[in-house]
């Protein structure tokens, strides 16, 4: 594995509904230039959300981390972090952008539709 070069976002769903109980869990990975996860990378990731929803929380799995899960930033632990998105009550598109100093940022956009 190489040195950290980019962030990658991996959502657990491909779409959301306007139901307030619907959530998207987006895995944030620090990758090297070949796309491999860098497991010892500890970087501060900042999150920006645009469109039909909000950032419901962030985490990293580190049992010693006491930072607020409601802030739009989180340090990675073992090269990973998690962002949780909650859709708005209106349909549209929900975009999450993750950035870290010196790394290529990542963006994911999920459609938000009415429940069936």
PDB file of N, CA and C in Angstrom:
ATOM      1  N   UNK A   1       0.846  -1.174   0.000  1.00  0.00           N
ATOM      2  CA  UNK A   1       0.000   0.000   0.000  1.00  0.00           C
ATOM      3  C   UNK A   1       0.886   1.228   0.000  1.00  0.00           C
ATOM      4  N   UNK A   2       0.388   2.282  -0.639  1.00  0.00           N
ATOM      5  CA  UNK A   2       1.157   3.499  -0.776  1.00  0.00           C
ATOM      6  C   UNK A   2       0.749   4.569   0.211  1.00  0.00           C
ATOM      7  N   UNK A   3       1.128   5.775  -0.105  1.00  0.00           N
ATOM      8  CA  UNK A   3       0.776   6.911   0.741  1.00  0.00           C
ATOM      9  C   UNK A   3      -0.622   7.410   0.383  1.00  0.00           C
ATOM     10  N   UNK A   4      -1.309   8.042   1.329  1.00  0.00           N
ATOM     11  CA  UNK A   4      -2.650   8.557   1.052  1.00  0.00           C
ATOM     12  C   UNK A   4      -2.652   9.537  -0.113  1.00  0.00           C
ATOM     13  N   UNK A   5      -3.606   9.356  -1.031  1.00  0.00           N
ATOM     14  CA  UNK A   5      -3.708  10.219  -2.202  1.00  0.00           C
ATOM     15  C   UNK A   5      -5.115  10.763  -2.418  1.00  0.00           C
ATOM     16  N   UNK A   6      -6.131  10.028  -1.971  1.00  0.00           N
ATOM     17  CA  UNK A   6      -7.507  10.422  -2.281  1.00  0.00           C
ATOM     18  C   UNK A   6      -8.475   9.877  -1.242  1.00  0.00           C
ATOM     19  N   UNK A   7      -9.682  10.404  -1.308  1.00  0.00           N
ATOM     20  CA  UNK A   7     -10.794   9.866  -0.525  1.00  0.00           C
ATOM     21  C   UNK A   7     -11.732   9.143  -1.486  1.00  0.00           C
ATOM     22  N   UNK A   8     -12.412   8.125  -0.966  1.00  0.00           N
ATOM     23  CA  UNK A   8     -13.413   7.399  -1.748  1.00  0.00           C
ATOM     24  C   UNK A   8     -14.660   7.285  -0.879  1.00  0.00           C
ATOM     25  N   UNK A   9     -15.830   7.489  -1.475  1.00  0.00           N
ATOM     26  CA  UNK A   9     -17.109   7.372  -0.775  1.00  0.00           C
ATOM     27  C   UNK A   9     -17.870   6.162  -1.300  1.00  0.00           C
ATOM     28  N   UNK A  10     -18.333   5.313  -0.375  1.00  0.00           N
ATOM     29  CA  UNK A  10     -19.047   4.091  -0.742  1.00  0.00           C
ATOM     30  C   UNK A  10     -20.376   4.059   0.031  1.00  0.00           C
ATOM     31  N   UNK A  11     -21.482   4.468  -0.619  1.00  0.00           N
ATOM     32  CA  UNK A  11     -22.777   4.443   0.075  1.00  0.00           C
ATOM     33  C   UNK A  11     -23.351   3.032   0.134  1.00  0.00           C
ATOM     34  N   UNK A  12     -24.170   2.791   1.155  1.00  0.00           N
ATOM     35  CA  UNK A  12     -24.794   1.469   1.296  1.00  0.00           C
ATOM     36  C   UNK A  12     -26.098   1.349   0.514  1.00  0.00           C
ATOM     37  N   UNK A  13     -26.550   2.445  -0.084  1.00  0.00           N
ATOM     38  CA  UNK A  13     -27.772   2.445  -0.898  1.00  0.00           C
ATOM     39  C   UNK A  13     -27.516   3.253  -2.169  1.00  0.00           C
ATOM     40  N   UNK A  14     -28.355   3.061  -3.166  1.00  0.00           N
ATOM     41  CA  UNK A  14     -28.213   3.822  -4.414  1.00  0.00           C
ATOM     42  C   UNK A  14     -29.248   4.929  -4.534  1.00  0.00           C
ATOM     43  N   UNK A  15     -30.246   4.919  -3.632  1.00  0.00           N
ATOM     44  CA  UNK A  15     -31.296   5.935  -3.645  1.00  0.00           C
ATOM     45  C   UNK A  15     -31.929   6.006  -2.261  1.00  0.00           C
ATOM     46  N   UNK A  16     -32.605   7.121  -2.003  1.00  0.00           N
ATOM     47  CA  UNK A  16     -33.313   7.333  -0.736  1.00  0.00           C
ATOM     48  C   UNK A  16     -34.749   7.738  -1.033  1.00  0.00           C
ATOM     49  N   UNK A  17     -35.606   7.630  -0.022  1.00  0.00           N
ATOM     50  CA  UNK A  17     -36.963   8.153  -0.140  1.00  0.00           C
ATOM     51  C   UNK A  17     -37.099   9.330   0.822  1.00  0.00           C
ATOM     52  N   UNK A  18     -38.196  10.038   0.713  1.00  0.00           N
ATOM     53  CA  UNK A  18     -38.433  11.184   1.584  1.00  0.00           C
ATOM     54  C   UNK A  18     -38.874  10.770   2.984  1.00  0.00           C
ATOM     55  N   UNK A  19     -38.965   9.495   3.247  1.00  0.00           N
ATOM     56  CA  UNK A  19     -39.296   9.023   4.587  1.00  0.00           C
ATOM     57  C   UNK A  19     -38.179   9.378   5.569  1.00  0.00           C
ATOM     58  N   UNK A  20     -38.515   9.972   6.700  1.00  0.00           N
ATOM     59  CA  UNK A  20     -37.504  10.442   7.640  1.00  0.00           C
ATOM     60  C   UNK A  20     -36.732   9.304   8.309  1.00  0.00           C
ATOM     61  N   UNK A  21     -37.227   8.074   8.205  1.00  0.00           N
ATOM     62  CA  UNK A  21     -36.501   6.941   8.762  1.00  0.00           C
ATOM     63  C   UNK A  21     -35.504   6.347   7.770  1.00  0.00           C
ATOM     64  N   UNK A  22     -35.499   6.846   6.549  1.00  0.00           N
ATOM     65  CA  UNK A  22     -34.571   6.365   5.529  1.00  0.00           C
ATOM     66  C   UNK A  22     -33.220   7.039   5.754  1.00  0.00           C
ATOM     67  N   UNK A  23     -32.147   6.270   5.744  1.00  0.00           N
ATOM     68  CA  UNK A  23     -30.804   6.800   5.937  1.00  0.00           C
ATOM     69  C   UNK A  23     -29.852   6.191   4.914  1.00  0.00           C
ATOM     70  N   UNK A  24     -28.791   6.922   4.627  1.00  0.00           N
ATOM     71  CA  UNK A  24     -27.701   6.386   3.813  1.00  0.00           C
ATOM     72  C   UNK A  24     -26.443   6.408   4.656  1.00  0.00           C
ATOM     73  N   UNK A  25     -25.780   5.276   4.767  1.00  0.00           N
ATOM     74  CA  UNK A  25     -24.507   5.170   5.483  1.00  0.00           C
ATOM     75  C   UNK A  25     -23.412   5.182   4.432  1.00  0.00           C
ATOM     76  N   UNK A  26     -22.563   6.195   4.481  1.00  0.00           N
ATOM     77  CA  UNK A  26     -21.537   6.365   3.452  1.00  0.00           C
ATOM     78  C   UNK A  26     -20.161   6.128   4.076  1.00  0.00           C
ATOM     79  N   UNK A  27     -19.516   5.060   3.642  1.00  0.00           N
ATOM     80  CA  UNK A  27     -18.173   4.735   4.105  1.00  0.00           C
ATOM     81  C   UNK A  27     -17.181   5.667   3.419  1.00  0.00           C
ATOM     82  N   UNK A  28     -16.290   6.248   4.211  1.00  0.00           N
ATOM     83  CA  UNK A  28     -15.231   7.105   3.698  1.00  0.00           C
ATOM     84  C   UNK A  28     -13.930   6.322   3.817  1.00  0.00           C
ATOM     85  N   UNK A  29     -13.220   6.175   2.710  1.00  0.00           N
ATOM     86  CA  UNK A  29     -11.958   5.441   2.719  1.00  0.00           C
ATOM     87  C   UNK A  29     -10.831   6.347   2.223  1.00  0.00           C
ATOM     88  N   UNK A  30      -9.685   6.269   2.891  1.00  0.00           N
ATOM     89  CA  UNK A  30      -8.476   6.936   2.421  1.00  0.00           C
ATOM     90  C   UNK A  30      -7.757   5.926   1.537  1.00  0.00           C
ATOM     91  N   UNK A  31      -7.485   6.328   0.294  1.00  0.00           N
ATOM     92  CA  UNK A  31      -6.865   5.406  -0.648  1.00  0.00           C
ATOM     93  C   UNK A  31      -5.531   5.954  -1.165  1.00  0.00           C
ATOM     94  N   UNK A  32      -4.705   5.035  -1.652  1.00  0.00           N
ATOM     95  CA  UNK A  32      -3.450   5.446  -2.297  1.00  0.00           C
ATOM     96  C   UNK A  32      -3.735   5.711  -3.772  1.00  0.00           C
ATOM     97  N   UNK A  33      -2.719   6.020  -4.542  1.00  0.00           N
ATOM     98  CA  UNK A  33      -2.939   6.378  -5.952  1.00  0.00           C
ATOM     99  C   UNK A  33      -3.443   5.205  -6.795  1.00  0.00           C
ATOM    100  N   UNK A  34      -3.325   3.991  -6.282  1.00  0.00           N
ATOM    101  CA  UNK A  34      -3.836   2.808  -6.978  1.00  0.00           C
ATOM    102  C   UNK A  34      -5.239   2.411  -6.515  1.00  0.00           C
ATOM    103  N   UNK A  35      -5.822   3.185  -5.607  1.00  0.00           N
ATOM    104  CA  UNK A  35      -7.167   2.893  -5.137  1.00  0.00           C
ATOM    105  C   UNK A  35      -7.245   1.916  -3.989  1.00  0.00           C
ATOM    106  N   UNK A  36      -6.106   1.597  -3.373  1.00  0.00           N
ATOM    107  CA  UNK A  36      -6.088   0.671  -2.234  1.00  0.00           C
ATOM    108  C   UNK A  36      -6.262   1.461  -0.938  1.00  0.00           C
ATOM    109  N   UNK A  37      -7.027   0.910  -0.004  1.00  0.00           N
ATOM    110  CA  UNK A  37      -7.219   1.558   1.291  1.00  0.00           C
ATOM    111  C   UNK A  37      -5.888   1.606   2.032  1.00  0.00           C
ATOM    112  N   UNK A  38      -5.607   2.763   2.649  1.00  0.00           N
ATOM    113  CA  UNK A  38      -4.401   2.947   3.453  1.00  0.00           C
ATOM    114  C   UNK A  38      -4.829   2.791   4.914  1.00  0.00           C
ATOM    115  N   UNK A  39      -4.644   1.599   5.506  1.00  0.00           N
ATOM    116  CA  UNK A  39      -5.216   1.310   6.820  1.00  0.00           C
ATOM    117  C   UNK A  39      -4.611   2.081   7.987  1.00  0.00           C
ATOM    118  N   UNK A  40      -3.438   2.660   7.816  1.00  0.00           N
ATOM    119  CA  UNK A  40      -2.862   3.425   8.925  1.00  0.00           C
ATOM    120  C   UNK A  40      -3.039   4.933   8.748  1.00  0.00           C
ATOM    121  N   UNK A  41      -3.871   5.343   7.771  1.00  0.00           N
ATOM    122  CA  UNK A  41      -4.088   6.771   7.517  1.00  0.00           C
ATOM    123  C   UNK A  41      -5.005   7.380   8.568  1.00  0.00           C
ATOM    124  N   UNK A  42      -4.543   8.454   9.175  1.00  0.00           N
ATOM    125  CA  UNK A  42      -5.352   9.238  10.102  1.00  0.00           C
ATOM    126  C   UNK A  42      -5.366  10.667   9.581  1.00  0.00           C
ATOM    127  N   UNK A  43      -6.470  11.047   8.949  1.00  0.00           N
ATOM    128  CA  UNK A  43      -6.620  12.388   8.398  1.00  0.00           C
ATOM    129  C   UNK A  43      -7.962  12.958   8.841  1.00  0.00           C
ATOM    130  N   UNK A  44      -8.030  14.276   8.946  1.00  0.00           N
ATOM    131  CA  UNK A  44      -9.310  14.906   9.264  1.00  0.00           C
ATOM    132  C   UNK A  44     -10.086  15.118   7.974  1.00  0.00           C
ATOM    133  N   UNK A  45     -11.279  14.558   7.933  1.00  0.00           N
ATOM    134  CA  UNK A  45     -12.157  14.679   6.774  1.00  0.00           C
ATOM    135  C   UNK A  45     -13.265  15.660   7.135  1.00  0.00           C
ATOM    136  N   UNK A  46     -13.530  16.607   6.234  1.00  0.00           N
ATOM    137  CA  UNK A  46     -14.653  17.521   6.420  1.00  0.00           C
ATOM    138  C   UNK A  46     -15.735  17.165   5.409  1.00  0.00           C
ATOM    139  N   UNK A  47     -16.977  17.353   5.820  1.00  0.00           N
ATOM    140  CA  UNK A  47     -18.120  16.966   5.004  1.00  0.00           C
ATOM    141  C   UNK A  47     -18.968  18.171   4.656  1.00  0.00           C
ATOM    142  N   UNK A  48     -19.433  18.209   3.417  1.00  0.00           N
ATOM    143  CA  UNK A  48     -20.382  19.219   2.965  1.00  0.00           C
ATOM    144  C   UNK A  48     -21.558  18.491   2.333  1.00  0.00           C
ATOM    145  N   UNK A  49     -22.765  18.922   2.682  1.00  0.00           N
ATOM    146  CA  UNK A  49     -23.973  18.309   2.137  1.00  0.00           C
ATOM    147  C   UNK A  49     -24.762  19.378   1.393  1.00  0.00           C
ATOM    148  N   UNK A  50     -25.272  19.013   0.225  1.00  0.00           N
ATOM    149  CA  UNK A  50     -26.037  19.944  -0.577  1.00  0.00           C
ATOM    150  C   UNK A  50     -27.270  19.231  -1.113  1.00  0.00           C
ATOM    151  N   UNK A  51     -28.369  19.945  -1.164  1.00  0.00           N
ATOM    152  CA  UNK A  51     -29.567  19.386  -1.772  1.00  0.00           C
ATOM    153  C   UNK A  51     -30.577  18.881  -0.770  1.00  0.00           C
ATOM    154  N   UNK A  52     -31.260  17.803  -1.143  1.00  0.00           N
ATOM    155  CA  UNK A  52     -32.432  17.304  -0.435  1.00  0.00           C
ATOM    156  C   UNK A  52     -32.073  16.409   0.745  1.00  0.00           C
ATOM    157  N   UNK A  53     -31.428  16.996   1.762  1.00  0.00           N
ATOM    158  CA  UNK A  53     -31.115  16.228   2.959  1.00  0.00           C
ATOM    159  C   UNK A  53     -30.088  16.903   3.835  1.00  0.00           C
ATOM    160  N   UNK A  54     -29.617  16.139   4.824  1.00  0.00           N
ATOM    161  CA  UNK A  54     -28.685  16.684   5.807  1.00  0.00           C
ATOM    162  C   UNK A  54     -27.722  15.609   6.285  1.00  0.00           C
ATOM    163  N   UNK A  55     -26.663  16.061   6.911  1.00  0.00           N
ATOM    164  CA  UNK A  55     -25.715  15.164   7.557  1.00  0.00           C
ATOM    165  C   UNK A  55     -26.276  14.835   8.935  1.00  0.00           C
ATOM    166  N   UNK A  56     -26.672  13.585   9.143  1.00  0.00           N
ATOM    167  CA  UNK A  56     -27.273  13.184  10.412  1.00  0.00           C
ATOM    168  C   UNK A  56     -26.223  12.870  11.467  1.00  0.00           C
ATOM    169  N   UNK A  57     -25.034  12.457  11.040  1.00  0.00           N
ATOM    170  CA  UNK A  57     -23.984  12.132  11.996  1.00  0.00           C
ATOM    171  C   UNK A  57     -22.753  11.595  11.296  1.00  0.00           C
ATOM    172  N   UNK A  58     -21.662  11.546  12.049  1.00  0.00           N
ATOM    173  CA  UNK A  58     -20.397  11.014  11.544  1.00  0.00           C
ATOM    174  C   UNK A  58     -19.795  10.105  12.606  1.00  0.00           C
ATOM    175  N   UNK A  59     -18.920   9.223  12.197  1.00  0.00           N
ATOM    176  CA  UNK A  59     -18.258   8.327  13.133  1.00  0.00           C
ATOM    177  C   UNK A  59     -17.014   7.744  12.498  1.00  0.00           C
ATOM    178  N   UNK A  60     -16.269   6.981  13.320  1.00  0.00           N
ATOM    179  CA  UNK A  60     -15.079   6.334  12.780  1.00  0.00           C
ATOM    180  C   UNK A  60     -14.776   4.986  13.434  1.00  0.00           C
ATOM    181  N   UNK A  61     -15.544   4.580  14.404  1.00  0.00           N
ATOM    182  CA  UNK A  61     -15.334   3.292  15.044  1.00  0.00           C
ATOM    183  C   UNK A  61     -14.281   3.289  16.134  1.00  0.00           C
ATOM    184  N   UNK A  62     -13.595   4.400  16.340  1.00  0.00           N
ATOM    185  CA  UNK A  62     -12.558   4.476  17.367  1.00  0.00           C
ATOM    186  C   UNK A  62     -13.225   4.608  18.738  1.00  0.00           C
ATOM    187  N   UNK A  63     -13.061   3.628  19.616  1.00  0.00           N
ATOM    188  CA  UNK A  63     -13.733   3.693  20.917  1.00  0.00           C
ATOM    189  C   UNK A  63     -13.195   4.788  21.834  1.00  0.00           C
ATOM    190  N   UNK A  64     -12.045   5.355  21.497  1.00  0.00           N
ATOM    191  CA  UNK A  64     -11.464   6.411  22.326  1.00  0.00           C
ATOM    192  C   UNK A  64     -11.772   7.810  21.808  1.00  0.00           C
ATOM    193  N   UNK A  65     -12.436   7.905  20.683  1.00  0.00           N
ATOM    194  CA  UNK A  65     -12.767   9.197  20.100  1.00  0.00           C
ATOM    195  C   UNK A  65     -14.014   9.738  20.778  1.00  0.00           C
ATOM    196  N   UNK A  66     -13.908  10.935  21.365  1.00  0.00           N
ATOM    197  CA  UNK A  66     -15.037  11.529  22.075  1.00  0.00           C
ATOM    198  C   UNK A  66     -15.574  12.774  21.371  1.00  0.00           C
ATOM    199  N   UNK A  67     -15.148  12.998  20.125  1.00  0.00           N
ATOM    200  CA  UNK A  67     -15.659  14.134  19.355  1.00  0.00           C
ATOM    201  C   UNK A  67     -17.146  13.951  19.092  1.00  0.00           C
ATOM    202  N   UNK A  68     -17.848  15.076  18.959  1.00  0.00           N
ATOM    203  CA  UNK A  68     -19.275  15.046  18.683  1.00  0.00           C
ATOM    204  C   UNK A  68     -19.551  14.388  17.331  1.00  0.00           C
ATOM    205  N   UNK A  69     -20.537  13.510  17.311  1.00  0.00           N
ATOM    206  CA  UNK A  69     -20.920  12.869  16.063  1.00  0.00           C
ATOM    207  C   UNK A  69     -21.790  13.782  15.210  1.00  0.00           C
ATOM    208  N   UNK A  70     -22.118  14.965  15.707  1.00  0.00           N
ATOM    209  CA  UNK A  70     -22.965  15.913  14.981  1.00  0.00           C
ATOM    210  C   UNK A  70     -22.160  16.962  14.214  1.00  0.00           C
ATOM    211  N   UNK A  71     -20.847  16.993  14.378  1.00  0.00           N
ATOM    212  CA  UNK A  71     -20.006  17.960  13.673  1.00  0.00           C
ATOM    213  C   UNK A  71     -19.735  17.476  12.244  1.00  0.00           C
ATOM    214  N   UNK A  72     -19.525  18.395  11.295  1.00  0.00           N
ATOM    215  CA  UNK A  72     -19.294  17.984   9.907  1.00  0.00           C
ATOM    216  C   UNK A  72     -17.833  17.624   9.618  1.00  0.00           C
ATOM    217  N   UNK A  73     -17.199  16.968  10.565  1.00  0.00           N
ATOM    218  CA  UNK A  73     -15.803  16.547  10.378  1.00  0.00           C
ATOM    219  C   UNK A  73     -15.521  15.348  11.285  1.00  0.00           C
ATOM    220  N   UNK A  74     -14.523  14.556  10.863  1.00  0.00           N
ATOM    221  CA  UNK A  74     -14.134  13.386  11.645  1.00  0.00           C
ATOM    222  C   UNK A  74     -12.770  12.932  11.169  1.00  0.00           C
ATOM    223  N   UNK A  75     -11.930  12.509  12.106  1.00  0.00           N
ATOM    224  CA  UNK A  75     -10.654  11.892  11.734  1.00  0.00           C
ATOM    225  C   UNK A  75     -10.920  10.439  11.343  1.00  0.00           C
ATOM    226  N   UNK A  76     -10.181   9.974  10.370  1.00  0.00           N
ATOM    227  CA  UNK A  76     -10.302   8.563  10.001  1.00  0.00           C
ATOM    228  C   UNK A  76      -9.605   7.704  11.050  1.00  0.00           C
ATOM    229  N   UNK A  77     -10.034   6.485  11.133  1.00  0.00           N
ATOM    230  CA  UNK A  77      -9.422   5.495  12.024  1.00  0.00           C
ATOM    231  C   UNK A  77      -9.238   4.241  11.185  1.00  0.00           C
ATOM    232  N   UNK A  78      -8.020   3.737  11.130  1.00  0.00           N
ATOM    233  CA  UNK A  78      -7.696   2.618  10.243  1.00  0.00           C
ATOM    234  C   UNK A  78      -8.053   2.953   8.794  1.00  0.00           C
ATOM    235  N   UNK A  79      -7.895   4.243   8.455  1.00  0.00           N
ATOM    236  CA  UNK A  79      -8.128   4.676   7.085  1.00  0.00           C
ATOM    237  C   UNK A  79      -9.576   4.853   6.695  1.00  0.00           C
ATOM    238  N   UNK A  80     -10.499   4.818   7.689  1.00  0.00           N
ATOM    239  CA  UNK A  80     -11.921   4.885   7.356  1.00  0.00           C
ATOM    240  C   UNK A  80     -12.689   5.788   8.319  1.00  0.00           C
ATOM    241  N   UNK A  81     -13.821   6.267   7.852  1.00  0.00           N
ATOM    242  CA  UNK A  81     -14.777   7.017   8.664  1.00  0.00           C
ATOM    243  C   UNK A  81     -16.164   6.732   8.067  1.00  0.00           C
ATOM    244  N   UNK A  82     -17.187   7.292   8.693  1.00  0.00           N
ATOM    245  CA  UNK A  82     -18.553   7.061   8.249  1.00  0.00           C
ATOM    246  C   UNK A  82     -19.334   8.360   8.314  1.00  0.00           C
ATOM    247  N   UNK A  83     -20.112   8.630   7.273  1.00  0.00           N
ATOM    248  CA  UNK A  83     -21.052   9.754   7.255  1.00  0.00           C
ATOM    249  C   UNK A  83     -22.454   9.180   7.079  1.00  0.00           C
ATOM    250  N   UNK A  84     -23.407   9.675   7.848  1.00  0.00           N
ATOM    251  CA  UNK A  84     -24.784   9.206   7.761  1.00  0.00           C
ATOM    252  C   UNK A  84     -25.643  10.354   7.251  1.00  0.00           C
ATOM    253  N   UNK A  85     -26.372  10.099   6.167  1.00  0.00           N
ATOM    254  CA  UNK A  85     -27.209  11.108   5.540  1.00  0.00           C
ATOM    255  C   UNK A  85     -28.676  10.818   5.797  1.00  0.00           C
ATOM    256  N   UNK A  86     -29.428  11.892   6.077  1.00  0.00           N
ATOM    257  CA  UNK A  86     -30.887  11.784   6.245  1.00  0.00           C
ATOM    258  C   UNK A  86     -31.535  12.626   5.147  1.00  0.00           C
ATOM    259  N   UNK A  87     -32.466  12.048   4.378  1.00  0.00           N
ATOM    260  CA  UNK A  87     -33.104  12.804   3.305  1.00  0.00           C
ATOM    261  C   UNK A  87     -34.064  13.859   3.846  1.00  0.00           C
ATOM    262  N   UNK A  88     -34.338  14.847   3.017  1.00  0.00           N
ATOM    263  CA  UNK A  88     -35.323  15.873   3.347  1.00  0.00           C
ATOM    264  C   UNK A  88     -36.728  15.327   3.098  1.00  0.00           C
ATOM    265  N   UNK A  89     -37.725  16.131   3.424  1.00  0.00           N
ATOM    266  CA  UNK A  89     -39.114  15.725   3.200  1.00  0.00           C
ATOM    267  C   UNK A  89     -39.562  15.999   1.776  1.00  0.00           C
ATOM    268  N   UNK A  90     -38.659  16.531   0.962  1.00  0.00           N
ATOM    269  CA  UNK A  90     -38.973  16.814  -0.432  1.00  0.00           C
ATOM    270  C   UNK A  90     -38.049  16.010  -1.342  1.00  0.00           C
ATOM    271  N   UNK A  91     -38.534  15.588  -2.499  1.00  0.00           N
ATOM    272  CA  UNK A  91     -37.683  14.852  -3.434  1.00  0.00           C
ATOM    273  C   UNK A  91     -36.604  15.763  -4.020  1.00  0.00           C
ATOM    274  N   UNK A  92     -35.598  15.145  -4.568  1.00  0.00           N
ATOM    275  CA  UNK A  92     -34.508  15.886  -5.194  1.00  0.00           C
ATOM    276  C   UNK A  92     -33.258  15.035  -5.239  1.00  0.00           C
ATOM    277  N   UNK A  93     -32.114  15.703  -5.108  1.00  0.00           N
ATOM    278  CA  UNK A  93     -30.826  15.008  -5.101  1.00  0.00           C
ATOM    279  C   UNK A  93     -30.073  15.431  -3.855  1.00  0.00           C
ATOM    280  N   UNK A  94     -29.387  14.487  -3.242  1.00  0.00           N
ATOM    281  CA  UNK A  94     -28.607  14.729  -2.033  1.00  0.00           C
ATOM    282  C   UNK A  94     -27.145  14.430  -2.357  1.00  0.00           C
ATOM    283  N   UNK A  95     -26.301  15.452  -2.198  1.00  0.00           N
ATOM    284  CA  UNK A  95     -24.885  15.310  -2.545  1.00  0.00           C
ATOM    285  C   UNK A  95     -24.017  15.467  -1.309  1.00  0.00           C
ATOM    286  N   UNK A  96     -23.107  14.517  -1.122  1.00  0.00           N
ATOM    287  CA  UNK A  96     -22.120  14.560  -0.045  1.00  0.00           C
ATOM    288  C   UNK A  96     -20.741  14.723  -0.672  1.00  0.00           C
ATOM    289  N   UNK A  97     -19.985  15.696  -0.161  1.00  0.00           N
ATOM    290  CA  UNK A  97     -18.601  15.887  -0.576  1.00  0.00           C
ATOM    291  C   UNK A  97     -17.717  15.739   0.645  1.00  0.00           C
ATOM    292  N   UNK A  98     -16.656  14.954   0.518  1.00  0.00           N
ATOM    293  CA  UNK A  98     -15.685  14.747   1.590  1.00  0.00           C
ATOM    294  C   UNK A  98     -14.347  15.310   1.130  1.00  0.00           C
ATOM    295  N   UNK A  99     -13.693  16.080   2.028  1.00  0.00           N
ATOM    296  CA  UNK A  99     -12.405  16.689   1.706  1.00  0.00           C
ATOM    297  C   UNK A  99     -11.430  16.466   2.849  1.00  0.00           C
ATOM    298  N   UNK A 100     -10.153  16.353   2.507  1.00  0.00           N
ATOM    299  CA  UNK A 100      -9.074  16.257   3.493  1.00  0.00           C
ATOM    300  C   UNK A 100      -7.851  16.936   2.884  1.00  0.00           C
ATOM    301  N   UNK A 101      -7.114  17.631   3.696  1.00  0.00           N
ATOM    302  CA  UNK A 101      -5.953  18.370   3.232  1.00  0.00           C
ATOM    303  C   UNK A 101      -4.961  17.457   2.505  1.00  0.00           C
ATOM    304  N   UNK A 102      -4.583  17.855   1.300  1.00  0.00           N
ATOM    305  CA  UNK A 102      -3.593  17.114   0.531  1.00  0.00           C
ATOM    306  C   UNK A 102      -4.111  15.902  -0.212  1.00  0.00           C
ATOM    307  N   UNK A 103      -5.408  15.593  -0.079  1.00  0.00           N
ATOM    308  CA  UNK A 103      -5.985  14.427  -0.751  1.00  0.00           C
ATOM    309  C   UNK A 103      -7.026  14.866  -1.768  1.00  0.00           C
ATOM    310  N   UNK A 104      -7.198  14.062  -2.814  1.00  0.00           N
ATOM    311  CA  UNK A 104      -8.242  14.332  -3.800  1.00  0.00           C
ATOM    312  C   UNK A 104      -9.602  14.117  -3.126  1.00  0.00           C
ATOM    313  N   UNK A 105     -10.504  15.096  -3.206  1.00  0.00           N
ATOM    314  CA  UNK A 105     -11.814  14.951  -2.560  1.00  0.00           C
ATOM    315  C   UNK A 105     -12.684  13.930  -3.283  1.00  0.00           C
ATOM    316  N   UNK A 106     -13.803  13.581  -2.658  1.00  0.00           N
ATOM    317  CA  UNK A 106     -14.751  12.639  -3.248  1.00  0.00           C
ATOM    318  C   UNK A 106     -16.161  13.170  -3.075  1.00  0.00           C
ATOM    319  N   UNK A 107     -17.018  12.844  -4.037  1.00  0.00           N
ATOM    320  CA  UNK A 107     -18.415  13.278  -4.011  1.00  0.00           C
ATOM    321  C   UNK A 107     -19.299  12.115  -4.413  1.00  0.00           C
ATOM    322  N   UNK A 108     -20.453  12.024  -3.762  1.00  0.00           N
ATOM    323  CA  UNK A 108     -21.466  11.048  -4.149  1.00  0.00           C
ATOM    324  C   UNK A 108     -22.813  11.760  -4.125  1.00  0.00           C
ATOM    325  N   UNK A 109     -23.652  11.454  -5.117  1.00  0.00           N
ATOM    326  CA  UNK A 109     -24.984  12.035  -5.192  1.00  0.00           C
ATOM    327  C   UNK A 109     -26.012  10.917  -5.234  1.00  0.00           C
ATOM    328  N   UNK A 110     -27.025  11.040  -4.374  1.00  0.00           N
ATOM    329  CA  UNK A 110     -28.087  10.033  -4.304  1.00  0.00           C
ATOM    330  C   UNK A 110     -29.418  10.703  -4.627  1.00  0.00           C
ATOM    331  N   UNK A 111     -30.246  10.065  -5.451  1.00  0.00           N
ATOM    332  CA  UNK A 111     -31.588  10.607  -5.689  1.00  0.00           C
ATOM    333  C   UNK A 111     -32.474  10.381  -4.467  1.00  0.00           C
ATOM    334  N   UNK A 112     -33.357  11.334  -4.211  1.00  0.00           N
ATOM    335  CA  UNK A 112     -34.331  11.236  -3.125  1.00  0.00           C
ATOM    336  C   UNK A 112     -35.704  11.306  -3.757  1.00  0.00           C
ATOM    337  N   UNK A 113     -36.469  10.217  -3.621  1.00  0.00           N
ATOM    338  CA  UNK A 113     -37.804  10.160  -4.224  1.00  0.00           C
ATOM    339  C   UNK A 113     -38.876   9.911  -3.181  1.00  0.00           C
ATOM    340  N   UNK A 114     -40.081   9.997  -3.604  1.00  0.00           N
ATOM    341  CA  UNK A 114     -41.220   9.734  -2.696  1.00  0.00           C
ATOM    342  C   UNK A 114     -41.312   8.234  -2.405  1.00  0.00           C
ATOM    343  N   UNK A 115     -41.727   7.878  -1.184  1.00  0.00           N
ATOM    344  CA  UNK A 115     -41.875   6.436  -0.871  1.00  0.00           C
ATOM    345  C   UNK A 115     -42.985   5.816  -1.717  1.00  0.00           C
ATOM    346  N   UNK A 116     -42.837   4.538  -1.986  1.00  0.00           N
ATOM    347  CA  UNK A 116     -43.868   3.830  -2.761  1.00  0.00           C
ATOM    348  C   UNK A 116     -44.867   3.182  -1.864  1.00  0.00           C
TER     349      UNK A 116
END
